[in-house]
Amino acid sequence: MELPKFILGDNTDFPDSIFVIHTEFPRFIIDLKDDEVEWLEDFDKEDEKELSSEAEGLITQANEFYDREVNRYEED
């Protein structure tokens, strides 16, 4: 099965949160309420250096994805 790069998620146990799930490496979930990121990968010290430079771009993409999806819902 092919998955989209980003998926929106919500949960009634977290009524103030909207989650964006990044399904490609490095996989993560971001809570857009406070931009808290939960990484779904284990990283070693070498990976952490590369990840820090890549993380900002991925988080920006996640926020842009959310904005795009919300705009599409509002247009319908």
PDB file of N, CA and C in Angstrom:
ATOM      1  N   MET A   1       0.844  -1.167   0.000  1.00  0.00           N
ATOM      2  CA  MET A   1       0.000   0.000   0.000  1.00  0.00           C
ATOM      3  C   MET A   1       0.893   1.235   0.000  1.00  0.00           C
ATOM      4  N   GLU A   2       0.525   2.182  -0.831  1.00  0.00           N
ATOM      5  CA  GLU A   2       1.238   3.452  -0.857  1.00  0.00           C
ATOM      6  C   GLU A   2       0.533   4.429   0.072  1.00  0.00           C
ATOM      7  N   LEU A   3       1.301   5.056   0.950  1.00  0.00           N
ATOM      8  CA  LEU A   3       0.746   6.028   1.894  1.00  0.00           C
ATOM      9  C   LEU A   3       1.086   7.439   1.456  1.00  0.00           C
ATOM     10  N   PRO A   4       0.215   8.398   1.772  1.00  0.00           N
ATOM     11  CA  PRO A   4       0.573   9.786   1.512  1.00  0.00           C
ATOM     12  C   PRO A   4       1.706  10.206   2.444  1.00  0.00           C
ATOM     13  N   LYS A   5       2.431  11.246   2.062  1.00  0.00           N
ATOM     14  CA  LYS A   5       3.551  11.718   2.873  1.00  0.00           C
ATOM     15  C   LYS A   5       3.072  12.254   4.219  1.00  0.00           C
ATOM     16  N   PHE A   6       1.921  12.940   4.231  1.00  0.00           N
ATOM     17  CA  PHE A   6       1.348  13.492   5.454  1.00  0.00           C
ATOM     18  C   PHE A   6      -0.089  13.031   5.608  1.00  0.00           C
ATOM     19  N   ILE A   7      -0.500  12.832   6.861  1.00  0.00           N
ATOM     20  CA  ILE A   7      -1.872  12.452   7.199  1.00  0.00           C
ATOM     21  C   ILE A   7      -2.319  13.324   8.362  1.00  0.00           C
ATOM     22  N   LEU A   8      -3.557  13.848   8.277  1.00  0.00           N
ATOM     23  CA  LEU A   8      -4.134  14.600   9.398  1.00  0.00           C
ATOM     24  C   LEU A   8      -4.747  13.628  10.385  1.00  0.00           C
ATOM     25  N   GLY A   9      -4.657  13.953  11.665  1.00  0.00           N
ATOM     26  CA  GLY A   9      -5.263  13.116  12.684  1.00  0.00           C
ATOM     27  C   GLY A   9      -5.820  13.953  13.815  1.00  0.00           C
ATOM     28  N   ASP A  10      -6.929  13.500  14.358  1.00  0.00           N
ATOM     29  CA  ASP A  10      -7.459  14.119  15.567  1.00  0.00           C
ATOM     30  C   ASP A  10      -7.959  13.016  16.477  1.00  0.00           C
ATOM     31  N   ASN A  11      -8.206  13.377  17.731  1.00  0.00           N
ATOM     32  CA  ASN A  11      -8.607  12.390  18.722  1.00  0.00           C
ATOM     33  C   ASN A  11      -9.401  13.129  19.792  1.00  0.00           C
ATOM     34  N   THR A  12     -10.572  12.617  20.123  1.00  0.00           N
ATOM     35  CA  THR A  12     -11.420  13.300  21.109  1.00  0.00           C
ATOM     36  C   THR A  12     -10.804  13.304  22.500  1.00  0.00           C
ATOM     37  N   ASP A  13      -9.815  12.460  22.755  1.00  0.00           N
ATOM     38  CA  ASP A  13      -9.109  12.498  24.036  1.00  0.00           C
ATOM     39  C   ASP A  13      -8.185  13.714  24.128  1.00  0.00           C
ATOM     40  N   PHE A  14      -7.905  14.331  22.987  1.00  0.00           N
ATOM     41  CA  PHE A  14      -7.055  15.522  22.909  1.00  0.00           C
ATOM     42  C   PHE A  14      -7.815  16.587  22.114  1.00  0.00           C
ATOM     43  N   PRO A  15      -8.861  17.164  22.700  1.00  0.00           N
ATOM     44  CA  PRO A  15      -9.773  18.019  21.932  1.00  0.00           C
ATOM     45  C   PRO A  15      -9.140  19.299  21.386  1.00  0.00           C
ATOM     46  N   ASP A  16      -8.054  19.767  21.947  1.00  0.00           N
ATOM     47  CA  ASP A  16      -7.420  21.000  21.470  1.00  0.00           C
ATOM     48  C   ASP A  16      -6.307  20.738  20.464  1.00  0.00           C
ATOM     49  N   SER A  17      -6.037  19.480  20.176  1.00  0.00           N
ATOM     50  CA  SER A  17      -4.893  19.127  19.336  1.00  0.00           C
ATOM     51  C   SER A  17      -5.333  18.680  17.949  1.00  0.00           C
ATOM     52  N   ILE A  18      -4.520  19.037  16.986  1.00  0.00           N
ATOM     53  CA  ILE A  18      -4.620  18.502  15.633  1.00  0.00           C
ATOM     54  C   ILE A  18      -3.232  17.961  15.317  1.00  0.00           C
ATOM     55  N   PHE A  19      -3.192  16.736  14.839  1.00  0.00           N
ATOM     56  CA  PHE A  19      -1.923  16.071  14.581  1.00  0.00           C
ATOM     57  C   PHE A  19      -1.683  15.947  13.084  1.00  0.00           C
ATOM     58  N   VAL A  20      -0.432  16.090  12.691  1.00  0.00           N
ATOM     59  CA  VAL A  20       0.003  15.759  11.341  1.00  0.00           C
ATOM     60  C   VAL A  20       1.025  14.641  11.490  1.00  0.00           C
ATOM     61  N   ILE A  21       0.786  13.554  10.773  1.00  0.00           N
ATOM     62  CA  ILE A  21       1.670  12.386  10.812  1.00  0.00           C
ATOM     63  C   ILE A  21       2.490  12.371   9.530  1.00  0.00           C
ATOM     64  N   HIS A  22       3.802  12.336   9.671  1.00  0.00           N
ATOM     65  CA  HIS A  22       4.712  12.237   8.531  1.00  0.00           C
ATOM     66  C   HIS A  22       5.075  10.766   8.392  1.00  0.00           C
ATOM     67  N   THR A  23       4.754  10.159   7.248  1.00  0.00           N
ATOM     68  CA  THR A  23       4.866   8.709   7.087  1.00  0.00           C
ATOM     69  C   THR A  23       6.177   8.239   6.468  1.00  0.00           C
ATOM     70  N   GLU A  24       7.006   9.170   6.013  1.00  0.00           N
ATOM     71  CA  GLU A  24       8.286   8.799   5.408  1.00  0.00           C
ATOM     72  C   GLU A  24       9.406   9.026   6.417  1.00  0.00           C
ATOM     73  N   PHE A  25      10.563   8.445   6.139  1.00  0.00           N
ATOM     74  CA  PHE A  25      11.697   8.620   7.043  1.00  0.00           C
ATOM     75  C   PHE A  25      12.158  10.059   7.016  1.00  0.00           C
ATOM     76  N   PRO A  26      12.381  10.669   8.122  1.00  0.00           N
ATOM     77  CA  PRO A  26      12.149  10.194   9.482  1.00  0.00           C
ATOM     78  C   PRO A  26      10.688  10.417   9.886  1.00  0.00           C
ATOM     79  N   ARG A  27      10.036   9.353  10.305  1.00  0.00           N
ATOM     80  CA  ARG A  27       8.619   9.422  10.660  1.00  0.00           C
ATOM     81  C   ARG A  27       8.437  10.183  11.970  1.00  0.00           C
ATOM     82  N   PHE A  28       7.372  10.986  12.008  1.00  0.00           N
ATOM     83  CA  PHE A  28       7.074  11.729  13.230  1.00  0.00           C
ATOM     84  C   PHE A  28       5.610  12.131  13.253  1.00  0.00           C
ATOM     85  N   ILE A  29       5.167  12.536  14.428  1.00  0.00           N
ATOM     86  CA  ILE A  29       3.842  13.121  14.623  1.00  0.00           C
ATOM     87  C   ILE A  29       4.071  14.486  15.258  1.00  0.00           C
ATOM     88  N   ILE A  30       3.414  15.498  14.696  1.00  0.00           N
ATOM     89  CA  ILE A  30       3.518  16.844  15.267  1.00  0.00           C
ATOM     90  C   ILE A  30       2.134  17.271  15.741  1.00  0.00           C
ATOM     91  N   ASP A  31       2.091  17.798  16.946  1.00  0.00           N
ATOM     92  CA  ASP A  31       0.866  18.371  17.504  1.00  0.00           C
ATOM     93  C   ASP A  31       0.893  19.853  17.157  1.00  0.00           C
ATOM     94  N   LEU A  32       0.008  20.282  16.272  1.00  0.00           N
ATOM     95  CA  LEU A  32       0.030  21.664  15.803  1.00  0.00           C
ATOM     96  C   LEU A  32      -0.382  22.659  16.873  1.00  0.00           C
ATOM     97  N   LYS A  33      -0.962  22.174  17.956  1.00  0.00           N
ATOM     98  CA  LYS A  33      -1.341  23.065  19.056  1.00  0.00           C
ATOM     99  C   LYS A  33      -0.108  23.764  19.621  1.00  0.00           C
ATOM    100  N   ASP A  34       0.980  23.007  19.784  1.00  0.00           N
ATOM    101  CA  ASP A  34       2.185  23.571  20.396  1.00  0.00           C
ATOM    102  C   ASP A  34       3.470  23.208  19.640  1.00  0.00           C
ATOM    103  N   ASP A  35       3.314  22.621  18.453  1.00  0.00           N
ATOM    104  CA  ASP A  35       4.444  22.200  17.608  1.00  0.00           C
ATOM    105  C   ASP A  35       5.349  21.172  18.284  1.00  0.00           C
ATOM    106  N   GLU A  36       4.796  20.435  19.238  1.00  0.00           N
ATOM    107  CA  GLU A  36       5.570  19.352  19.863  1.00  0.00           C
ATOM    108  C   GLU A  36       5.679  18.193  18.877  1.00  0.00           C
ATOM    109  N   VAL A  37       6.880  17.652  18.738  1.00  0.00           N
ATOM    110  CA  VAL A  37       7.154  16.584  17.782  1.00  0.00           C
ATOM    111  C   VAL A  37       7.500  15.305  18.529  1.00  0.00           C
ATOM    112  N   GLU A  38       6.881  14.224  18.116  1.00  0.00           N
ATOM    113  CA  GLU A  38       7.216  12.888  18.620  1.00  0.00           C
ATOM    114  C   GLU A  38       7.815  12.110  17.460  1.00  0.00           C
ATOM    115  N   TRP A  39       9.096  11.783  17.569  1.00  0.00           N
ATOM    116  CA  TRP A  39       9.778  11.035  16.521  1.00  0.00           C
ATOM    117  C   TRP A  39       9.457   9.559  16.666  1.00  0.00           C
ATOM    118  N   LEU A  40       9.196   8.889  15.564  1.00  0.00           N
ATOM    119  CA  LEU A  40       8.868   7.468  15.569  1.00  0.00           C
ATOM    120  C   LEU A  40      10.057   6.626  15.122  1.00  0.00           C
ATOM    121  N   GLU A  41      11.218   7.215  15.160  1.00  0.00           N
ATOM    122  CA  GLU A  41      12.465   6.552  14.784  1.00  0.00           C
ATOM    123  C   GLU A  41      13.445   6.642  15.952  1.00  0.00           C
ATOM    124  N   ASP A  42      14.370   5.717  15.990  1.00  0.00           N
ATOM    125  CA  ASP A  42      15.488   5.800  16.929  1.00  0.00           C
ATOM    126  C   ASP A  42      16.686   6.341  16.168  1.00  0.00           C
ATOM    127  N   PHE A  43      17.350   7.329  16.747  1.00  0.00           N
ATOM    128  CA  PHE A  43      18.474   7.975  16.079  1.00  0.00           C
ATOM    129  C   PHE A  43      19.739   7.813  16.902  1.00  0.00           C
ATOM    130  N   ASP A  44      20.864   7.637  16.204  1.00  0.00           N
ATOM    131  CA  ASP A  44      22.144   7.679  16.894  1.00  0.00           C
ATOM    132  C   ASP A  44      22.711   9.092  16.770  1.00  0.00           C
ATOM    133  N   LYS A  45      23.840   9.339  17.366  1.00  0.00           N
ATOM    134  CA  LYS A  45      24.416  10.690  17.410  1.00  0.00           C
ATOM    135  C   LYS A  45      24.653  11.255  16.004  1.00  0.00           C
ATOM    136  N   GLU A  46      25.115  10.419  15.086  1.00  0.00           N
ATOM    137  CA  GLU A  46      25.372  10.879  13.723  1.00  0.00           C
ATOM    138  C   GLU A  46      24.076  11.284  13.030  1.00  0.00           C
ATOM    139  N   ASP A  47      23.005  10.507  13.256  1.00  0.00           N
ATOM    140  CA  ASP A  47      21.714  10.821  12.658  1.00  0.00           C
ATOM    141  C   ASP A  47      21.149  12.123  13.200  1.00  0.00           C
ATOM    142  N   GLU A  48      21.381  12.402  14.474  1.00  0.00           N
ATOM    143  CA  GLU A  48      20.821  13.598  15.098  1.00  0.00           C
ATOM    144  C   GLU A  48      21.322  14.872  14.437  1.00  0.00           C
ATOM    145  N   LYS A  49      22.565  14.888  13.995  1.00  0.00           N
ATOM    146  CA  LYS A  49      23.097  16.068  13.316  1.00  0.00           C
ATOM    147  C   LYS A  49      22.351  16.317  12.005  1.00  0.00           C
ATOM    148  N   GLU A  50      22.186  15.262  11.219  1.00  0.00           N
ATOM    149  CA  GLU A  50      21.463  15.384   9.948  1.00  0.00           C
ATOM    150  C   GLU A  50      19.995  15.714  10.191  1.00  0.00           C
ATOM    151  N   LEU A  51      19.422  15.102  11.216  1.00  0.00           N
ATOM    152  CA  LEU A  51      18.018  15.314  11.530  1.00  0.00           C
ATOM    153  C   LEU A  51      17.735  16.757  11.903  1.00  0.00           C
ATOM    154  N   SER A  52      18.614  17.366  12.678  1.00  0.00           N
ATOM    155  CA  SER A  52      18.363  18.740  13.107  1.00  0.00           C
ATOM    156  C   SER A  52      18.288  19.687  11.918  1.00  0.00           C
ATOM    157  N   SER A  53      19.098  19.458  10.901  1.00  0.00           N
ATOM    158  CA  SER A  53      19.048  20.325   9.720  1.00  0.00           C
ATOM    159  C   SER A  53      17.821  20.033   8.866  1.00  0.00           C
ATOM    160  N   GLU A  54      17.358  18.806   8.854  1.00  0.00           N
ATOM    161  CA  GLU A  54      16.209  18.412   8.050  1.00  0.00           C
ATOM    162  C   GLU A  54      14.879  18.674   8.756  1.00  0.00           C
ATOM    163  N   ALA A  55      14.879  18.651  10.078  1.00  0.00           N
ATOM    164  CA  ALA A  55      13.637  18.733  10.861  1.00  0.00           C
ATOM    165  C   ALA A  55      12.874  20.022  10.615  1.00  0.00           C
ATOM    166  N   GLU A  56      13.563  21.138  10.564  1.00  0.00           N
ATOM    167  CA  GLU A  56      12.879  22.418  10.371  1.00  0.00           C
ATOM    168  C   GLU A  56      12.091  22.432   9.069  1.00  0.00           C
ATOM    169  N   GLY A  57      12.686  21.937   8.006  1.00  0.00           N
ATOM    170  CA  GLY A  57      11.997  21.882   6.716  1.00  0.00           C
ATOM    171  C   GLY A  57      10.793  20.962   6.738  1.00  0.00           C
ATOM    172  N   LEU A  58      10.934  19.818   7.396  1.00  0.00           N
ATOM    173  CA  LEU A  58       9.821  18.868   7.470  1.00  0.00           C
ATOM    174  C   LEU A  58       8.664  19.432   8.288  1.00  0.00           C
ATOM    175  N   ILE A  59       8.969  20.117   9.361  1.00  0.00           N
ATOM    176  CA  ILE A  59       7.923  20.708  10.201  1.00  0.00           C
ATOM    177  C   ILE A  59       7.215  21.826   9.431  1.00  0.00           C
ATOM    178  N   THR A  60       7.957  22.593   8.664  1.00  0.00           N
ATOM    179  CA  THR A  60       7.345  23.613   7.820  1.00  0.00           C
ATOM    180  C   THR A  60       6.423  22.972   6.794  1.00  0.00           C
ATOM    181  N   GLN A  61       6.867  21.883   6.179  1.00  0.00           N
ATOM    182  CA  GLN A  61       6.033  21.167   5.215  1.00  0.00           C
ATOM    183  C   GLN A  61       4.763  20.628   5.869  1.00  0.00           C
ATOM    184  N   ALA A  62       4.869  20.143   7.095  1.00  0.00           N
ATOM    185  CA  ALA A  62       3.701  19.625   7.809  1.00  0.00           C
ATOM    186  C   ALA A  62       2.686  20.734   8.045  1.00  0.00           C
ATOM    187  N   ASN A  63       3.154  21.911   8.437  1.00  0.00           N
ATOM    188  CA  ASN A  63       2.255  23.048   8.642  1.00  0.00           C
ATOM    189  C   ASN A  63       1.621  23.507   7.331  1.00  0.00           C
ATOM    190  N   GLU A  64       2.391  23.524   6.260  1.00  0.00           N
ATOM    191  CA  GLU A  64       1.846  23.895   4.948  1.00  0.00           C
ATOM    192  C   GLU A  64       0.804  22.880   4.489  1.00  0.00           C
ATOM    193  N   PHE A  65       1.051  21.603   4.739  1.00  0.00           N
ATOM    194  CA  PHE A  65       0.082  20.558   4.411  1.00  0.00           C
ATOM    195  C   PHE A  65      -1.232  20.808   5.152  1.00  0.00           C
ATOM    196  N   TYR A  66      -1.143  21.090   6.438  1.00  0.00           N
ATOM    197  CA  TYR A  66      -2.350  21.354   7.222  1.00  0.00           C
ATOM    198  C   TYR A  66      -3.108  22.557   6.657  1.00  0.00           C
ATOM    199  N   ASP A  67      -2.412  23.646   6.394  1.00  0.00           N
ATOM    200  CA  ASP A  67      -3.063  24.836   5.838  1.00  0.00           C
ATOM    201  C   ASP A  67      -3.753  24.523   4.516  1.00  0.00           C
ATOM    202  N   ARG A  68      -3.093  23.767   3.659  1.00  0.00           N
ATOM    203  CA  ARG A  68      -3.672  23.393   2.366  1.00  0.00           C
ATOM    204  C   ARG A  68      -4.940  22.569   2.554  1.00  0.00           C
ATOM    205  N   GLU A  69      -4.892  21.600   3.459  1.00  0.00           N
ATOM    206  CA  GLU A  69      -6.056  20.744   3.695  1.00  0.00           C
ATOM    207  C   GLU A  69      -7.229  21.544   4.251  1.00  0.00           C
ATOM    208  N   VAL A  70      -6.968  22.438   5.189  1.00  0.00           N
ATOM    209  CA  VAL A  70      -8.031  23.263   5.773  1.00  0.00           C
ATOM    210  C   VAL A  70      -8.655  24.136   4.684  1.00  0.00           C
ATOM    211  N   ASN A  71      -7.820  24.723   3.827  1.00  0.00           N
ATOM    212  CA  ASN A  71      -8.351  25.545   2.744  1.00  0.00           C
ATOM    213  C   ASN A  71      -9.231  24.734   1.807  1.00  0.00           C
ATOM    214  N   ARG A  72      -8.864  23.494   1.538  1.00  0.00           N
ATOM    215  CA  ARG A  72      -9.684  22.640   0.675  1.00  0.00           C
ATOM    216  C   ARG A  72     -11.032  22.327   1.319  1.00  0.00           C
ATOM    217  N   TYR A  73     -11.049  22.088   2.617  1.00  0.00           N
ATOM    218  CA  TYR A  73     -12.325  21.849   3.320  1.00  0.00           C
ATOM    219  C   TYR A  73     -13.206  23.086   3.270  1.00  0.00           C
ATOM    220  N   GLU A  74     -12.604  24.250   3.446  1.00  0.00           N
ATOM    221  CA  GLU A  74     -13.375  25.492   3.455  1.00  0.00           C
ATOM    222  C   GLU A  74     -13.938  25.810   2.078  1.00  0.00           C
ATOM    223  N   GLU A  75     -13.238  25.399   1.008  1.00  0.00           N
ATOM    224  CA  GLU A  75     -13.719  25.642  -0.348  1.00  0.00           C
ATOM    225  C   GLU A  75     -14.927  24.786  -0.688  1.00  0.00           C
ATOM    226  N   ASP A  76     -15.038  23.626  -0.073  1.00  0.00           N
ATOM    227  CA  ASP A  76     -16.167  22.719  -0.382  1.00  0.00           C
ATOM    228  C   ASP A  76     -17.378  23.146   0.302  1.00  0.00           C
TER     229      ASP A  76
END
